[in-house]
């Protein structure tokens, strides 16, 4: 009776295998490593513990940059090794960031402005004449 109760308490209060792995590997950051290097690092930390592919994928995805996560989340059939190879290739492509640009004033357009103003004034006068 005591052994049965003891085993049930241990099972309920102890962390599951997945929770232990998450706790062990959850603190690790990608840093300046490539995703494939990071995967090897996670596996070396896990040692003899068998990690499910779904858990490993989840841990990897959480640590990748958002633009890489967005692409790889749809690739649910990839093994972790394939996923990190793809992530390596994605991260090799530089991100295009849009920089604000300043338009210069075209001298031809600037000199045409007085003519446009005169034309607009004459059109406004004609509209007033029509409205009378």
C-alpha atoms as a PDB file:
ATOM      1  CA  UNK A   1       0.000   0.000   0.000  1.00  0.00           C
ATOM      2  CA  UNK A   2       2.780   2.404   0.974  1.00  0.00           C
ATOM      3  CA  UNK A   3       4.748   1.672  -2.224  1.00  0.00           C
ATOM      4  CA  UNK A   4       1.680   2.201  -4.387  1.00  0.00           C
ATOM      5  CA  UNK A   5       0.886   5.532  -2.719  1.00  0.00           C
ATOM      6  CA  UNK A   6       4.529   6.586  -2.911  1.00  0.00           C
ATOM      7  CA  UNK A   7       4.724   5.788  -6.645  1.00  0.00           C
ATOM      8  CA  UNK A   8       1.510   7.680  -7.384  1.00  0.00           C
ATOM      9  CA  UNK A   9       2.758  10.744  -5.492  1.00  0.00           C
ATOM     10  CA  UNK A  10       6.078  10.636  -7.297  1.00  0.00           C
ATOM     11  CA  UNK A  11       4.330  10.334 -10.662  1.00  0.00           C
ATOM     12  CA  UNK A  12       1.991  13.240  -9.963  1.00  0.00           C
ATOM     13  CA  UNK A  13       4.517  15.577  -8.387  1.00  0.00           C
ATOM     14  CA  UNK A  14       7.576  14.886 -10.498  1.00  0.00           C
ATOM     15  CA  UNK A  15       8.181  16.548 -13.829  1.00  0.00           C
ATOM     16  CA  UNK A  16       7.379  14.581 -16.946  1.00  0.00           C
ATOM     17  CA  UNK A  17      10.190  13.724 -19.351  1.00  0.00           C
ATOM     18  CA  UNK A  18       9.093  16.524 -21.683  1.00  0.00           C
ATOM     19  CA  UNK A  19       8.973  19.038 -18.834  1.00  0.00           C
ATOM     20  CA  UNK A  20      12.471  18.059 -17.700  1.00  0.00           C
ATOM     21  CA  UNK A  21      13.833  18.437 -21.226  1.00  0.00           C
ATOM     22  CA  UNK A  22      12.108  21.817 -21.623  1.00  0.00           C
ATOM     23  CA  UNK A  23      13.568  22.940 -18.308  1.00  0.00           C
ATOM     24  CA  UNK A  24      17.045  21.739 -19.286  1.00  0.00           C
ATOM     25  CA  UNK A  25      17.053  23.178 -22.795  1.00  0.00           C
ATOM     26  CA  UNK A  26      14.642  26.055 -22.288  1.00  0.00           C
ATOM     27  CA  UNK A  27      17.298  28.454 -21.045  1.00  0.00           C
ATOM     28  CA  UNK A  28      19.511  28.059 -24.094  1.00  0.00           C
ATOM     29  CA  UNK A  29      19.651  30.892 -26.628  1.00  0.00           C
ATOM     30  CA  UNK A  30      20.574  30.823 -30.307  1.00  0.00           C
ATOM     31  CA  UNK A  31      23.114  33.606 -29.866  1.00  0.00           C
ATOM     32  CA  UNK A  32      25.439  34.022 -32.823  1.00  0.00           C
ATOM     33  CA  UNK A  33      25.283  30.342 -33.782  1.00  0.00           C
ATOM     34  CA  UNK A  34      23.719  29.010 -36.940  1.00  0.00           C
ATOM     35  CA  UNK A  35      20.498  27.043 -36.316  1.00  0.00           C
ATOM     36  CA  UNK A  36      22.252  23.784 -37.272  1.00  0.00           C
ATOM     37  CA  UNK A  37      25.004  24.506 -34.718  1.00  0.00           C
ATOM     38  CA  UNK A  38      22.353  25.320 -32.125  1.00  0.00           C
ATOM     39  CA  UNK A  39      20.619  21.975 -32.790  1.00  0.00           C
ATOM     40  CA  UNK A  40      23.895  20.109 -32.232  1.00  0.00           C
ATOM     41  CA  UNK A  41      24.385  22.085 -29.014  1.00  0.00           C
ATOM     42  CA  UNK A  42      20.891  21.157 -27.742  1.00  0.00           C
ATOM     43  CA  UNK A  43      21.503  17.499 -28.540  1.00  0.00           C
ATOM     44  CA  UNK A  44      24.825  17.544 -26.709  1.00  0.00           C
ATOM     45  CA  UNK A  45      23.142  19.064 -23.636  1.00  0.00           C
ATOM     46  CA  UNK A  46      20.415  16.428 -23.713  1.00  0.00           C
ATOM     47  CA  UNK A  47      23.012  13.658 -23.652  1.00  0.00           C
ATOM     48  CA  UNK A  48      21.332  10.251 -23.492  1.00  0.00           C
ATOM     49  CA  UNK A  49      17.832  11.674 -23.105  1.00  0.00           C
ATOM     50  CA  UNK A  50      15.697  10.843 -26.122  1.00  0.00           C
ATOM     51  CA  UNK A  51      13.936  13.974 -27.337  1.00  0.00           C
ATOM     52  CA  UNK A  52      10.835  13.767 -29.493  1.00  0.00           C
ATOM     53  CA  UNK A  53      11.119  15.509 -32.861  1.00  0.00           C
ATOM     54  CA  UNK A  54       8.049  17.623 -32.125  1.00  0.00           C
ATOM     55  CA  UNK A  55       9.559  18.911 -28.883  1.00  0.00           C
ATOM     56  CA  UNK A  56      12.890  19.617 -30.544  1.00  0.00           C
ATOM     57  CA  UNK A  57      11.153  21.461 -33.405  1.00  0.00           C
ATOM     58  CA  UNK A  58       9.189  23.529 -30.901  1.00  0.00           C
ATOM     59  CA  UNK A  59      12.308  24.456 -28.913  1.00  0.00           C
ATOM     60  CA  UNK A  60      14.178  25.377 -32.076  1.00  0.00           C
ATOM     61  CA  UNK A  61      11.365  27.462 -33.551  1.00  0.00           C
ATOM     62  CA  UNK A  62      11.006  29.493 -30.359  1.00  0.00           C
ATOM     63  CA  UNK A  63      14.625  30.599 -30.581  1.00  0.00           C
ATOM     64  CA  UNK A  64      14.787  31.509 -34.264  1.00  0.00           C
ATOM     65  CA  UNK A  65      14.290  35.069 -35.515  1.00  0.00           C
ATOM     66  CA  UNK A  66      10.643  35.944 -36.295  1.00  0.00           C
ATOM     67  CA  UNK A  67      11.105  36.077 -40.076  1.00  0.00           C
ATOM     68  CA  UNK A  68      12.569  32.552 -40.044  1.00  0.00           C
ATOM     69  CA  UNK A  69       9.838  31.278 -37.688  1.00  0.00           C
ATOM     70  CA  UNK A  70       7.159  32.565 -40.055  1.00  0.00           C
ATOM     71  CA  UNK A  71       8.566  30.510 -42.919  1.00  0.00           C
ATOM     72  CA  UNK A  72       9.341  27.313 -41.007  1.00  0.00           C
ATOM     73  CA  UNK A  73       6.105  27.030 -39.023  1.00  0.00           C
ATOM     74  CA  UNK A  74       4.352  25.916 -42.202  1.00  0.00           C
ATOM     75  CA  UNK A  75       6.950  23.185 -42.793  1.00  0.00           C
ATOM     76  CA  UNK A  76       5.581  20.746 -40.219  1.00  0.00           C
ATOM     77  CA  UNK A  77       6.814  17.623 -42.034  1.00  0.00           C
ATOM     78  CA  UNK A  78      10.499  18.536 -41.832  1.00  0.00           C
ATOM     79  CA  UNK A  79      12.798  16.700 -39.453  1.00  0.00           C
ATOM     80  CA  UNK A  80      14.771  18.961 -37.075  1.00  0.00           C
ATOM     81  CA  UNK A  81      17.967  18.521 -39.145  1.00  0.00           C
ATOM     82  CA  UNK A  82      16.174  19.493 -42.351  1.00  0.00           C
ATOM     83  CA  UNK A  83      14.518  22.403 -40.598  1.00  0.00           C
ATOM     84  CA  UNK A  84      17.815  23.799 -39.307  1.00  0.00           C
ATOM     85  CA  UNK A  85      19.445  23.403 -42.729  1.00  0.00           C
ATOM     86  CA  UNK A  86      16.614  25.436 -44.220  1.00  0.00           C
ATOM     87  CA  UNK A  87      16.882  27.987 -41.403  1.00  0.00           C
ATOM     88  CA  UNK A  88      20.624  28.315 -42.092  1.00  0.00           C
ATOM     89  CA  UNK A  89      19.899  29.133 -45.741  1.00  0.00           C
ATOM     90  CA  UNK A  90      17.140  31.605 -44.844  1.00  0.00           C
ATOM     91  CA  UNK A  91      19.382  33.417 -42.380  1.00  0.00           C
ATOM     92  CA  UNK A  92      22.153  33.723 -44.991  1.00  0.00           C
ATOM     93  CA  UNK A  93      19.902  35.997 -47.042  1.00  0.00           C
ATOM     94  CA  UNK A  94      20.220  39.540 -45.742  1.00  0.00           C
ATOM     95  CA  UNK A  95      17.016  41.162 -44.569  1.00  0.00           C
ATOM     96  CA  UNK A  96      15.884  44.030 -46.729  1.00  0.00           C
ATOM     97  CA  UNK A  97      15.028  46.929 -44.531  1.00  0.00           C
ATOM     98  CA  UNK A  98      13.309  49.887 -46.058  1.00  0.00           C
ATOM     99  CA  UNK A  99      14.988  53.167 -45.345  1.00  0.00           C
ATOM    100  CA  UNK A 100      13.152  56.431 -45.660  1.00  0.00           C
ATOM    101  CA  UNK A 101      14.092  58.277 -48.808  1.00  0.00           C
ATOM    102  CA  UNK A 102      14.060  61.971 -49.553  1.00  0.00           C
ATOM    103  CA  UNK A 103      12.904  63.130 -52.948  1.00  0.00           C
ATOM    104  CA  UNK A 104      14.727  66.007 -54.518  1.00  0.00           C
ATOM    105  CA  UNK A 105      12.959  68.868 -56.238  1.00  0.00           C
ATOM    106  CA  UNK A 106      13.221  68.713 -59.983  1.00  0.00           C
ATOM    107  CA  UNK A 107      14.261  72.150 -61.282  1.00  0.00           C
ATOM    108  CA  UNK A 108      11.985  71.822 -64.313  1.00  0.00           C
ATOM    109  CA  UNK A 109       8.959  71.170 -62.113  1.00  0.00           C
ATOM    110  CA  UNK A 110       9.935  74.005 -59.785  1.00  0.00           C
ATOM    111  CA  UNK A 111      10.102  76.477 -62.679  1.00  0.00           C
ATOM    112  CA  UNK A 112       6.763  75.225 -64.004  1.00  0.00           C
ATOM    113  CA  UNK A 113       5.031  76.064 -60.732  1.00  0.00           C
ATOM    114  CA  UNK A 114       4.238  79.725 -61.602  1.00  0.00           C
ATOM    115  CA  UNK A 115       2.609  78.606 -64.865  1.00  0.00           C
ATOM    116  CA  UNK A 116       0.552  76.032 -63.015  1.00  0.00           C
ATOM    117  CA  UNK A 117      -0.545  78.669 -60.502  1.00  0.00           C
ATOM    118  CA  UNK A 118      -1.660  81.032 -63.280  1.00  0.00           C
ATOM    119  CA  UNK A 119      -3.563  78.237 -65.001  1.00  0.00           C
ATOM    120  CA  UNK A 120      -5.293  77.246 -61.759  1.00  0.00           C
ATOM    121  CA  UNK A 121      -6.293  80.859 -61.094  1.00  0.00           C
ATOM    122  CA  UNK A 122      -7.788  81.230 -64.567  1.00  0.00           C
ATOM    123  CA  UNK A 123      -9.686  77.955 -64.161  1.00  0.00           C
ATOM    124  CA  UNK A 124     -11.028  79.117 -60.790  1.00  0.00           C
ATOM    125  CA  UNK A 125     -12.228  82.376 -62.413  1.00  0.00           C
ATOM    126  CA  UNK A 126     -13.995  80.444 -65.178  1.00  0.00           C
ATOM    127  CA  UNK A 127     -15.726  78.189 -62.626  1.00  0.00           C
ATOM    128  CA  UNK A 128     -16.907  81.297 -60.743  1.00  0.00           C
ATOM    129  CA  UNK A 129     -18.229  82.787 -63.991  1.00  0.00           C
ATOM    130  CA  UNK A 130     -20.117  79.567 -64.744  1.00  0.00           C
ATOM    131  CA  UNK A 131     -21.599  79.474 -61.252  1.00  0.00           C
ATOM    132  CA  UNK A 132     -23.146  82.971 -61.712  1.00  0.00           C
END
